[in-house]
Protein backbone atom coordinates (compact mmCIF):
# COMPACT_ATOMS: atom_id res chain seq x y z
CA MET A 1 0.21 0.01 -0.23
CA ASP A 2 1.47 3.29 -0.97
CA TYR A 3 1.74 5.79 1.98
CA LEU A 4 0.81 9.08 0.19
CA LEU A 5 -2.39 7.23 -1.40
CA ALA A 6 -3.10 6.35 2.39
CA GLU A 7 -2.89 9.72 3.62
CA SER A 8 -4.57 11.27 0.87
CA SER A 9 -7.27 14.04 1.32
CA ILE A 10 -8.71 13.41 -1.57
CA LEU A 11 -12.34 11.86 -1.15
CA LYS A 12 -12.39 9.37 -3.24
CA GLU A 13 -11.46 5.23 -3.47
CA ASN A 14 -7.60 4.93 -3.80
CA TYR A 15 -6.20 1.62 -5.60
CA ILE A 16 -3.37 0.22 -6.20
CA TYR A 17 -2.72 -2.26 -8.82
CA VAL A 18 -0.64 -5.27 -8.72
CA LEU A 19 0.38 -8.32 -10.02
CA GLY A 20 -0.04 -11.49 -7.45
CA ILE A 21 -1.40 -10.43 -4.13
CA ASP A 22 0.52 -13.14 -2.36
CA HIS A 23 3.69 -10.69 -1.69
CA PRO A 24 2.38 -7.37 -1.40
CA ALA A 25 -0.02 -9.13 1.67
CA LYS A 26 3.12 -10.53 2.92
CA PHE A 27 4.77 -7.37 3.18
CA LEU A 28 2.00 -5.04 4.67
CA ASN A 29 1.76 -7.57 7.28
CA SER A 30 5.43 -7.93 8.14
CA GLY A 31 6.99 -7.07 11.08
CA ARG A 32 9.74 -5.22 8.78
CA SER A 33 10.52 -1.97 10.88
CA ILE A 34 9.14 1.58 9.20
CA ALA A 35 12.32 2.73 9.81
CA SER A 36 14.25 0.36 7.45
CA VAL A 37 11.34 0.81 5.17
CA LEU A 38 11.90 4.66 4.73
CA GLY A 39 15.11 4.30 5.62
CA ARG A 40 16.46 6.06 2.18
CA ASN A 41 13.79 8.53 1.68
CA VAL A 42 14.97 10.84 4.01
CA LYS A 43 11.69 13.44 3.49
CA LEU A 44 9.07 10.94 3.49
CA ARG A 45 10.52 9.47 6.81
CA GLY A 46 10.66 13.00 8.39
CA GLU A 47 6.75 13.64 7.06
CA PHE A 48 6.12 10.26 8.57
CA ALA A 49 7.90 10.89 11.99
CA GLY A 50 6.26 14.28 12.46
CA ARG A 51 2.86 13.24 11.63
CA PHE A 52 2.98 9.76 13.88
CA GLY A 53 6.42 9.69 15.64
CA ASN A 54 6.72 6.50 16.92
CA GLN A 55 2.90 5.34 16.77
CA TYR A 56 4.23 2.69 14.47
CA PRO A 57 7.09 0.80 14.21
CA THR A 58 6.26 -1.83 12.03
CA VAL A 59 4.51 -2.03 8.59
CA LYS A 60 2.24 -3.98 9.69
CA ASP A 61 1.10 -1.90 12.44
CA TYR A 62 1.00 0.95 10.05
CA TYR A 63 -1.39 -1.06 7.74
CA ARG A 64 -4.03 -2.29 10.85
CA THR A 65 -5.32 0.95 11.02
CA SER A 66 -4.82 2.37 7.47
CA LYS A 67 -5.81 -0.31 5.63
CA ASP A 68 -9.38 0.49 4.40
CA ALA A 69 -7.66 3.84 2.95
CA VAL A 70 -6.46 2.04 -0.54
CA ILE A 71 -7.47 -0.83 -2.12
CA VAL A 72 -5.07 -3.26 -3.17
CA GLN A 73 -6.15 -4.50 -6.26
CA ASP A 74 -4.64 -7.76 -7.73
CA ILE A 75 -4.98 -7.55 -11.84
CA LEU A 76 -3.41 -10.69 -12.60
CA PRO A 77 -6.87 -12.72 -12.92
CA PHE A 78 -8.11 -9.65 -15.30
CA VAL A 79 -4.81 -9.97 -17.38
CA PRO A 80 -3.15 -13.15 -17.43
CA GLU A 81 -1.16 -12.20 -19.90
CA ALA A 82 1.03 -10.00 -17.40
CA HIS A 83 1.63 -13.52 -15.25
CA CYS A 84 5.35 -12.66 -14.26
CA GLY A 85 5.91 -15.52 -12.07
CA CYS A 86 5.42 -13.42 -9.11
CA ALA A 87 2.37 -14.68 -7.95
């Protein structure tokens, strides 16, 4: 799930499209630290920390509270020729 989509103030449904749901689901429910995920993006890391502090230490902690903000849509059933061995 994209952080900027999840925190968007625009009142519309937000989608992120994936080829296969297994890997994204595993990541979003992982215990990987937010600091690790945002480590290279100094601006985004600062924005996230300024907004939430240490409230969400792991990816799954943030995802649990924001998962309804973005619809993760698997497009593989609709575009089978896009199969890349990632499902």
